[in-house]
Amino acid sequence: MPEIRKSADLRNNYQKISQFCHNYNEPVFITKNGIGDLAVMSINTYNELSGRIDLYKKLLAGLNQIHNGETVSEEELMNKINKYIGE
């Protein structure tokens, strides 16, 4: 169940909101005049989410390359890897 707080709680109960974000690794949704306005989360949760998005973008790019026939043989791949690592 998402944690939803009024905007005044961000000012009045900052410590409790921060503690929740760190303990549960989930965002707290802040409302303004009863309407969703912000999502507050810990830096660790943000970094994890951001990293996951980057990974999904890379996986999608790879799937698009496969779909477009932009592939190399296993031998070519190993040659590129060995060249890259200096062997």
PDB file of N, CA and C in Angstrom:
ATOM      1  N   MET A   1       0.851  -1.178   0.000  1.00  0.00           N
ATOM      2  CA  MET A   1       0.000   0.000   0.000  1.00  0.00           C
ATOM      3  C   MET A   1       0.897   1.242   0.000  1.00  0.00           C
ATOM      4  N   PRO A   2       0.691   2.156  -0.933  1.00  0.00           N
ATOM      5  CA  PRO A   2       1.551   3.343  -0.982  1.00  0.00           C
ATOM      6  C   PRO A   2       1.341   4.262   0.218  1.00  0.00           C
ATOM      7  N   GLU A   3       2.404   4.915   0.604  1.00  0.00           N
ATOM      8  CA  GLU A   3       2.361   5.899   1.687  1.00  0.00           C
ATOM      9  C   GLU A   3       2.030   7.251   1.059  1.00  0.00           C
ATOM     10  N   ILE A   4       0.914   7.838   1.458  1.00  0.00           N
ATOM     11  CA  ILE A   4       0.459   9.115   0.900  1.00  0.00           C
ATOM     12  C   ILE A   4       0.362  10.122   2.037  1.00  0.00           C
ATOM     13  N   ARG A   5       0.969  11.281   1.837  1.00  0.00           N
ATOM     14  CA  ARG A   5       0.986  12.334   2.860  1.00  0.00           C
ATOM     15  C   ARG A   5       0.615  13.670   2.244  1.00  0.00           C
ATOM     16  N   LYS A   6       0.087  14.555   3.083  1.00  0.00           N
ATOM     17  CA  LYS A   6      -0.203  15.926   2.670  1.00  0.00           C
ATOM     18  C   LYS A   6       1.101  16.710   2.575  1.00  0.00           C
ATOM     19  N   SER A   7       1.090  17.765   1.783  1.00  0.00           N
ATOM     20  CA  SER A   7       2.313  18.560   1.610  1.00  0.00           C
ATOM     21  C   SER A   7       2.795  19.151   2.932  1.00  0.00           C
ATOM     22  N   ALA A   8       1.895  19.487   3.831  1.00  0.00           N
ATOM     23  CA  ALA A   8       2.301  20.042   5.131  1.00  0.00           C
ATOM     24  C   ALA A   8       3.114  19.027   5.925  1.00  0.00           C
ATOM     25  N   ASP A   9       2.854  17.738   5.722  1.00  0.00           N
ATOM     26  CA  ASP A   9       3.606  16.699   6.439  1.00  0.00           C
ATOM     27  C   ASP A   9       5.077  16.702   6.052  1.00  0.00           C
ATOM     28  N   LEU A  10       5.372  17.114   4.842  1.00  0.00           N
ATOM     29  CA  LEU A  10       6.767  17.161   4.413  1.00  0.00           C
ATOM     30  C   LEU A  10       7.551  18.137   5.285  1.00  0.00           C
ATOM     31  N   ARG A  11       6.921  19.232   5.637  1.00  0.00           N
ATOM     32  CA  ARG A  11       7.566  20.232   6.500  1.00  0.00           C
ATOM     33  C   ARG A  11       7.479  19.814   7.978  1.00  0.00           C
ATOM     34  N   ASN A  12       6.310  19.364   8.395  1.00  0.00           N
ATOM     35  CA  ASN A  12       6.077  19.089   9.813  1.00  0.00           C
ATOM     36  C   ASN A  12       6.588  17.734  10.289  1.00  0.00           C
ATOM     37  N   ASN A  13       6.686  16.774   9.383  1.00  0.00           N
ATOM     38  CA  ASN A  13       7.092  15.409   9.762  1.00  0.00           C
ATOM     39  C   ASN A  13       8.205  14.885   8.867  1.00  0.00           C
ATOM     40  N   TYR A  14       9.129  15.763   8.499  1.00  0.00           N
ATOM     41  CA  TYR A  14      10.200  15.386   7.582  1.00  0.00           C
ATOM     42  C   TYR A  14      10.944  14.145   8.075  1.00  0.00           C
ATOM     43  N   GLN A  15      11.291  14.120   9.352  1.00  0.00           N
ATOM     44  CA  GLN A  15      12.081  13.008   9.890  1.00  0.00           C
ATOM     45  C   GLN A  15      11.354  11.676   9.736  1.00  0.00           C
ATOM     46  N   LYS A  16      10.054  11.660  10.005  1.00  0.00           N
ATOM     47  CA  LYS A  16       9.274  10.426   9.867  1.00  0.00           C
ATOM     48  C   LYS A  16       9.203   9.981   8.405  1.00  0.00           C
ATOM     49  N   ILE A  17       9.034  10.930   7.493  1.00  0.00           N
ATOM     50  CA  ILE A  17       8.973  10.606   6.068  1.00  0.00           C
ATOM     51  C   ILE A  17      10.326  10.069   5.603  1.00  0.00           C
ATOM     52  N   SER A  18      11.394  10.728   6.016  1.00  0.00           N
ATOM     53  CA  SER A  18      12.736  10.273   5.655  1.00  0.00           C
ATOM     54  C   SER A  18      12.989   8.871   6.192  1.00  0.00           C
ATOM     55  N   GLN A  19      12.629   8.641   7.423  1.00  0.00           N
ATOM     56  CA  GLN A  19      12.833   7.324   8.037  1.00  0.00           C
ATOM     57  C   GLN A  19      12.039   6.250   7.285  1.00  0.00           C
ATOM     58  N   PHE A  20      10.805   6.550   6.912  1.00  0.00           N
ATOM     59  CA  PHE A  20       9.996   5.605   6.148  1.00  0.00           C
ATOM     60  C   PHE A  20      10.683   5.262   4.834  1.00  0.00           C
ATOM     61  N   CYS A  21      11.140   6.302   4.113  1.00  0.00           N
ATOM     62  CA  CYS A  21      11.779   6.087   2.809  1.00  0.00           C
ATOM     63  C   CYS A  21      13.014   5.205   2.931  1.00  0.00           C
ATOM     64  N   HIS A  22      13.796   5.401   3.976  1.00  0.00           N
ATOM     65  CA  HIS A  22      15.017   4.613   4.165  1.00  0.00           C
ATOM     66  C   HIS A  22      14.711   3.198   4.650  1.00  0.00           C
ATOM     67  N   ASN A  23      13.714   3.053   5.499  1.00  0.00           N
ATOM     68  CA  ASN A  23      13.396   1.731   6.048  1.00  0.00           C
ATOM     69  C   ASN A  23      12.713   0.819   5.036  1.00  0.00           C
ATOM     70  N   TYR A  24      11.870   1.382   4.177  1.00  0.00           N
ATOM     71  CA  TYR A  24      11.071   0.556   3.280  1.00  0.00           C
ATOM     72  C   TYR A  24      11.504   0.635   1.818  1.00  0.00           C
ATOM     73  N   ASN A  25      12.470   1.500   1.491  1.00  0.00           N
ATOM     74  CA  ASN A  25      12.938   1.664   0.108  1.00  0.00           C
ATOM     75  C   ASN A  25      11.791   1.876  -0.862  1.00  0.00           C
ATOM     76  N   GLU A  26      10.812   2.652  -0.432  1.00  0.00           N
ATOM     77  CA  GLU A  26       9.652   2.984  -1.256  1.00  0.00           C
ATOM     78  C   GLU A  26       9.450   4.490  -1.220  1.00  0.00           C
ATOM     79  N   PRO A  27       8.835   5.029  -2.261  1.00  0.00           N
ATOM     80  CA  PRO A  27       8.562   6.462  -2.241  1.00  0.00           C
ATOM     81  C   PRO A  27       7.374   6.800  -1.348  1.00  0.00           C
ATOM     82  N   VAL A  28       7.329   8.036  -0.912  1.00  0.00           N
ATOM     83  CA  VAL A  28       6.169   8.596  -0.229  1.00  0.00           C
ATOM     84  C   VAL A  28       5.558   9.585  -1.206  1.00  0.00           C
ATOM     85  N   PHE A  29       4.271   9.459  -1.449  1.00  0.00           N
ATOM     86  CA  PHE A  29       3.582  10.350  -2.366  1.00  0.00           C
ATOM     87  C   PHE A  29       3.024  11.531  -1.586  1.00  0.00           C
ATOM     88  N   ILE A  30       3.334  12.733  -2.061  1.00  0.00           N
ATOM     89  CA  ILE A  30       2.915  13.968  -1.402  1.00  0.00           C
ATOM     90  C   ILE A  30       1.798  14.591  -2.226  1.00  0.00           C
ATOM     91  N   THR A  31       0.713  14.954  -1.544  1.00  0.00           N
ATOM     92  CA  THR A  31      -0.400  15.597  -2.226  1.00  0.00           C
ATOM     93  C   THR A  31      -0.419  17.088  -1.916  1.00  0.00           C
ATOM     94  N   LYS A  32      -0.961  17.836  -2.855  1.00  0.00           N
ATOM     95  CA  LYS A  32      -1.150  19.274  -2.678  1.00  0.00           C
ATOM     96  C   LYS A  32      -2.601  19.561  -3.034  1.00  0.00           C
ATOM     97  N   ASN A  33      -3.343  20.068  -2.077  1.00  0.00           N
ATOM     98  CA  ASN A  33      -4.784  20.302  -2.256  1.00  0.00           C
ATOM     99  C   ASN A  33      -5.506  19.026  -2.685  1.00  0.00           C
ATOM    100  N   GLY A  34      -5.084  17.889  -2.121  1.00  0.00           N
ATOM    101  CA  GLY A  34      -5.744  16.621  -2.377  1.00  0.00           C
ATOM    102  C   GLY A  34      -5.373  15.943  -3.687  1.00  0.00           C
ATOM    103  N   ILE A  35      -4.417  16.537  -4.423  1.00  0.00           N
ATOM    104  CA  ILE A  35      -4.014  15.981  -5.718  1.00  0.00           C
ATOM    105  C   ILE A  35      -2.541  15.596  -5.651  1.00  0.00           C
ATOM    106  N   GLY A  36      -2.189  14.446  -6.217  1.00  0.00           N
ATOM    107  CA  GLY A  36      -0.805  13.998  -6.220  1.00  0.00           C
ATOM    108  C   GLY A  36       0.112  15.064  -6.805  1.00  0.00           C
ATOM    109  N   ASP A  37       1.243  15.314  -6.123  1.00  0.00           N
ATOM    110  CA  ASP A  37       2.153  16.375  -6.558  1.00  0.00           C
ATOM    111  C   ASP A  37       3.601  15.904  -6.654  1.00  0.00           C
ATOM    112  N   LEU A  38       4.076  15.144  -5.674  1.00  0.00           N
ATOM    113  CA  LEU A  38       5.474  14.726  -5.626  1.00  0.00           C
ATOM    114  C   LEU A  38       5.588  13.269  -5.195  1.00  0.00           C
ATOM    115  N   ALA A  39       6.729  12.684  -5.534  1.00  0.00           N
ATOM    116  CA  ALA A  39       7.114  11.390  -4.987  1.00  0.00           C
ATOM    117  C   ALA A  39       8.478  11.601  -4.340  1.00  0.00           C
ATOM    118  N   VAL A  40       8.586  11.304  -3.058  1.00  0.00           N
ATOM    119  CA  VAL A  40       9.825  11.491  -2.307  1.00  0.00           C
ATOM    120  C   VAL A  40      10.389  10.116  -1.995  1.00  0.00           C
ATOM    121  N   MET A  41      11.699   9.938  -2.271  1.00  0.00           N
ATOM    122  CA  MET A  41      12.326   8.643  -1.995  1.00  0.00           C
ATOM    123  C   MET A  41      13.769   8.860  -1.553  1.00  0.00           C
ATOM    124  N   SER A  42      14.357   7.827  -0.971  1.00  0.00           N
ATOM    125  CA  SER A  42      15.756   7.904  -0.560  1.00  0.00           C
ATOM    126  C   SER A  42      16.651   7.931  -1.790  1.00  0.00           C
ATOM    127  N   ILE A  43      17.853   8.421  -1.622  1.00  0.00           N
ATOM    128  CA  ILE A  43      18.824   8.444  -2.710  1.00  0.00           C
ATOM    129  C   ILE A  43      19.110   7.022  -3.192  1.00  0.00           C
ATOM    130  N   ASN A  44      19.220   6.075  -2.266  1.00  0.00           N
ATOM    131  CA  ASN A  44      19.489   4.683  -2.657  1.00  0.00           C
ATOM    132  C   ASN A  44      18.375   4.127  -3.536  1.00  0.00           C
ATOM    133  N   THR A  45      17.129   4.402  -3.175  1.00  0.00           N
ATOM    134  CA  THR A  45      15.999   3.936  -3.973  1.00  0.00           C
ATOM    135  C   THR A  45      16.010   4.599  -5.339  1.00  0.00           C
ATOM    136  N   TYR A  46      16.296   5.898  -5.373  1.00  0.00           N
ATOM    137  CA  TYR A  46      16.372   6.616  -6.644  1.00  0.00           C
ATOM    138  C   TYR A  46      17.465   6.025  -7.533  1.00  0.00           C
ATOM    139  N   ASN A  47      18.655   5.791  -6.973  1.00  0.00           N
ATOM    140  CA  ASN A  47      19.759   5.234  -7.757  1.00  0.00           C
ATOM    141  C   ASN A  47      19.425   3.847  -8.292  1.00  0.00           C
ATOM    142  N   GLU A  48      18.765   3.037  -7.490  1.00  0.00           N
ATOM    143  CA  GLU A  48      18.367   1.697  -7.930  1.00  0.00           C
ATOM    144  C   GLU A  48      17.361   1.793  -9.075  1.00  0.00           C
ATOM    145  N   LEU A  49      16.381   2.661  -8.925  1.00  0.00           N
ATOM    146  CA  LEU A  49      15.365   2.839  -9.957  1.00  0.00           C
ATOM    147  C   LEU A  49      15.979   3.383 -11.242  1.00  0.00           C
ATOM    148  N   SER A  50      16.854   4.364 -11.105  1.00  0.00           N
ATOM    149  CA  SER A  50      17.523   4.960 -12.259  1.00  0.00           C
ATOM    150  C   SER A  50      18.391   3.922 -12.977  1.00  0.00           C
ATOM    151  N   GLY A  51      19.116   3.116 -12.218  1.00  0.00           N
ATOM    152  CA  GLY A  51      19.945   2.059 -12.796  1.00  0.00           C
ATOM    153  C   GLY A  51      19.109   1.030 -13.527  1.00  0.00           C
ATOM    154  N   ARG A  52      17.963   0.702 -12.970  1.00  0.00           N
ATOM    155  CA  ARG A  52      17.066  -0.267 -13.601  1.00  0.00           C
ATOM    156  C   ARG A  52      16.558   0.274 -14.946  1.00  0.00           C
ATOM    157  N   ILE A  53      16.214   1.560 -14.978  1.00  0.00           N
ATOM    158  CA  ILE A  53      15.752   2.175 -16.223  1.00  0.00           C
ATOM    159  C   ILE A  53      16.860   2.142 -17.270  1.00  0.00           C
ATOM    160  N   ASP A  54      18.092   2.470 -16.863  1.00  0.00           N
ATOM    161  CA  ASP A  54      19.227   2.415 -17.801  1.00  0.00           C
ATOM    162  C   ASP A  54      19.418   1.002 -18.349  1.00  0.00           C
ATOM    163  N   LEU A  55      19.310   0.005 -17.481  1.00  0.00           N
ATOM    164  CA  LEU A  55      19.445  -1.385 -17.913  1.00  0.00           C
ATOM    165  C   LEU A  55      18.366  -1.746 -18.920  1.00  0.00           C
ATOM    166  N   TYR A  56      17.117  -1.363 -18.648  1.00  0.00           N
ATOM    167  CA  TYR A  56      16.020  -1.662 -19.569  1.00  0.00           C
ATOM    168  C   TYR A  56      16.258  -1.011 -20.935  1.00  0.00           C
ATOM    169  N   LYS A  57      16.782   0.211 -20.939  1.00  0.00           N
ATOM    170  CA  LYS A  57      17.080   0.885 -22.204  1.00  0.00           C
ATOM    171  C   LYS A  57      18.144   0.114 -22.987  1.00  0.00           C
ATOM    172  N   LYS A  58      19.170  -0.370 -22.301  1.00  0.00           N
ATOM    173  CA  LYS A  58      20.229  -1.130 -22.965  1.00  0.00           C
ATOM    174  C   LYS A  58      19.710  -2.461 -23.480  1.00  0.00           C
ATOM    175  N   LEU A  59      18.871  -3.114 -22.697  1.00  0.00           N
ATOM    176  CA  LEU A  59      18.279  -4.382 -23.152  1.00  0.00           C
ATOM    177  C   LEU A  59      17.399  -4.156 -24.377  1.00  0.00           C
ATOM    178  N   LEU A  60      16.619  -3.083 -24.385  1.00  0.00           N
ATOM    179  CA  LEU A  60      15.781  -2.774 -25.530  1.00  0.00           C
ATOM    180  C   LEU A  60      16.627  -2.491 -26.769  1.00  0.00           C
ATOM    181  N   ALA A  61      17.723  -1.748 -26.589  1.00  0.00           N
ATOM    182  CA  ALA A  61      18.615  -1.469 -27.718  1.00  0.00           C
ATOM    183  C   ALA A  61      19.186  -2.774 -28.276  1.00  0.00           C
ATOM    184  N   GLY A  62      19.575  -3.688 -27.392  1.00  0.00           N
ATOM    185  CA  GLY A  62      20.095  -4.985 -27.826  1.00  0.00           C
ATOM    186  C   GLY A  62      19.048  -5.805 -28.559  1.00  0.00           C
ATOM    187  N   LEU A  63      17.824  -5.807 -28.048  1.00  0.00           N
ATOM    188  CA  LEU A  63      16.745  -6.537 -28.719  1.00  0.00           C
ATOM    189  C   LEU A  63      16.454  -5.934 -30.098  1.00  0.00           C
ATOM    190  N   ASN A  64      16.520  -4.612 -30.189  1.00  0.00           N
ATOM    191  CA  ASN A  64      16.325  -3.958 -31.491  1.00  0.00           C
ATOM    192  C   ASN A  64      17.430  -4.333 -32.468  1.00  0.00           C
ATOM    193  N   GLN A  65      18.661  -4.443 -31.979  1.00  0.00           N
ATOM    194  CA  GLN A  65      19.769  -4.860 -32.850  1.00  0.00           C
ATOM    195  C   GLN A  65      19.536  -6.276 -33.357  1.00  0.00           C
ATOM    196  N   ILE A  66      19.097  -7.157 -32.491  1.00  0.00           N
ATOM    197  CA  ILE A  66      18.804  -8.535 -32.909  1.00  0.00           C
ATOM    198  C   ILE A  66      17.690  -8.535 -33.950  1.00  0.00           C
ATOM    199  N   HIS A  67      16.643  -7.767 -33.684  1.00  0.00           N
ATOM    200  CA  HIS A  67      15.510  -7.688 -34.608  1.00  0.00           C
ATOM    201  C   HIS A  67      15.940  -7.169 -35.981  1.00  0.00           C
ATOM    202  N   ASN A  68      16.904  -6.238 -36.002  1.00  0.00           N
ATOM    203  CA  ASN A  68      17.377  -5.651 -37.253  1.00  0.00           C
ATOM    204  C   ASN A  68      18.515  -6.444 -37.893  1.00  0.00           C
ATOM    205  N   GLY A  69      18.849  -7.598 -37.304  1.00  0.00           N
ATOM    206  CA  GLY A  69      19.895  -8.438 -37.873  1.00  0.00           C
ATOM    207  C   GLY A  69      21.300  -7.923 -37.635  1.00  0.00           C
ATOM    208  N   GLU A  70      21.473  -7.043 -36.669  1.00  0.00           N
ATOM    209  CA  GLU A  70      22.793  -6.476 -36.371  1.00  0.00           C
ATOM    210  C   GLU A  70      23.501  -7.349 -35.337  1.00  0.00           C
ATOM    211  N   THR A  71      23.885  -8.539 -35.754  1.00  0.00           N
ATOM    212  CA  THR A  71      24.533  -9.486 -34.850  1.00  0.00           C
ATOM    213  C   THR A  71      25.904  -9.869 -35.383  1.00  0.00           C
ATOM    214  N   VAL A  72      26.709 -10.462 -34.511  1.00  0.00           N
ATOM    215  CA  VAL A  72      28.026 -10.971 -34.903  1.00  0.00           C
ATOM    216  C   VAL A  72      28.128 -12.422 -34.438  1.00  0.00           C
ATOM    217  N   SER A  73      29.024 -13.167 -35.051  1.00  0.00           N
ATOM    218  CA  SER A  73      29.209 -14.563 -34.659  1.00  0.00           C
ATOM    219  C   SER A  73      29.915 -14.611 -33.297  1.00  0.00           C
ATOM    220  N   GLU A  74      29.837 -15.785 -32.685  1.00  0.00           N
ATOM    221  CA  GLU A  74      30.507 -15.972 -31.389  1.00  0.00           C
ATOM    222  C   GLU A  74      32.011 -15.718 -31.522  1.00  0.00           C
ATOM    223  N   GLU A  75      32.587 -16.178 -32.617  1.00  0.00           N
ATOM    224  CA  GLU A  75      34.028 -15.998 -32.840  1.00  0.00           C
ATOM    225  C   GLU A  75      34.372 -14.507 -32.945  1.00  0.00           C
ATOM    226  N   GLU A  76      33.581 -13.763 -33.709  1.00  0.00           N
ATOM    227  CA  GLU A  76      33.829 -12.323 -33.833  1.00  0.00           C
ATOM    228  C   GLU A  76      33.704 -11.628 -32.474  1.00  0.00           C
ATOM    229  N   LEU A  77      32.706 -12.033 -31.720  1.00  0.00           N
ATOM    230  CA  LEU A  77      32.489 -11.444 -30.404  1.00  0.00           C
ATOM    231  C   LEU A  77      33.678 -11.701 -29.484  1.00  0.00           C
ATOM    232  N   MET A  78      34.155 -12.948 -29.463  1.00  0.00           N
ATOM    233  CA  MET A  78      35.288 -13.285 -28.607  1.00  0.00           C
ATOM    234  C   MET A  78      36.544 -12.525 -29.039  1.00  0.00           C
ATOM    235  N   ASN A  79      36.738 -12.363 -30.343  1.00  0.00           N
ATOM    236  CA  ASN A  79      37.879 -11.583 -30.832  1.00  0.00           C
ATOM    237  C   ASN A  79      37.788 -10.128 -30.364  1.00  0.00           C
ATOM    238  N   LYS A  80      36.589  -9.558 -30.430  1.00  0.00           N
ATOM    239  CA  LYS A  80      36.400  -8.174 -29.979  1.00  0.00           C
ATOM    240  C   LYS A  80      36.653  -8.051 -28.475  1.00  0.00           C
ATOM    241  N   ILE A  81      36.166  -9.015 -27.716  1.00  0.00           N
ATOM    242  CA  ILE A  81      36.353  -8.988 -26.258  1.00  0.00           C
ATOM    243  C   ILE A  81      37.828  -9.118 -25.922  1.00  0.00           C
ATOM    244  N   ASN A  82      38.508 -10.070 -26.539  1.00  0.00           N
ATOM    245  CA  ASN A  82      39.924 -10.264 -26.272  1.00  0.00           C
ATOM    246  C   ASN A  82      40.740  -9.035 -26.669  1.00  0.00           C
ATOM    247  N   LYS A  83      40.394  -8.432 -27.777  1.00  0.00           N
ATOM    248  CA  LYS A  83      41.082  -7.206 -28.196  1.00  0.00           C
ATOM    249  C   LYS A  83      40.833  -6.085 -27.184  1.00  0.00           C
ATOM    250  N   TYR A  84      39.605  -6.003 -26.697  1.00  0.00           N
ATOM    251  CA  TYR A  84      39.235  -4.953 -25.749  1.00  0.00           C
ATOM    252  C   TYR A  84      39.998  -5.100 -24.426  1.00  0.00           C
ATOM    253  N   ILE A  85      40.124  -6.348 -23.956  1.00  0.00           N
ATOM    254  CA  ILE A  85      40.799  -6.553 -22.664  1.00  0.00           C
ATOM    255  C   ILE A  85      42.315  -6.692 -22.814  1.00  0.00           C
ATOM    256  N   GLY A  86      42.789  -6.659 -24.052  1.00  0.00           N
ATOM    257  CA  GLY A  86      44.221  -6.626 -24.290  1.00  0.00           C
ATOM    258  C   GLY A  86      44.907  -7.978 -24.357  1.00  0.00           C
ATOM    259  N   GLU A  87      44.196  -8.994 -24.706  1.00  0.00           N
ATOM    260  CA  GLU A  87      44.826 -10.321 -24.828  1.00  0.00           C
ATOM    261  C   GLU A  87      45.241 -10.586 -26.250  1.00  0.00           C
TER     262      GLU A  87
END
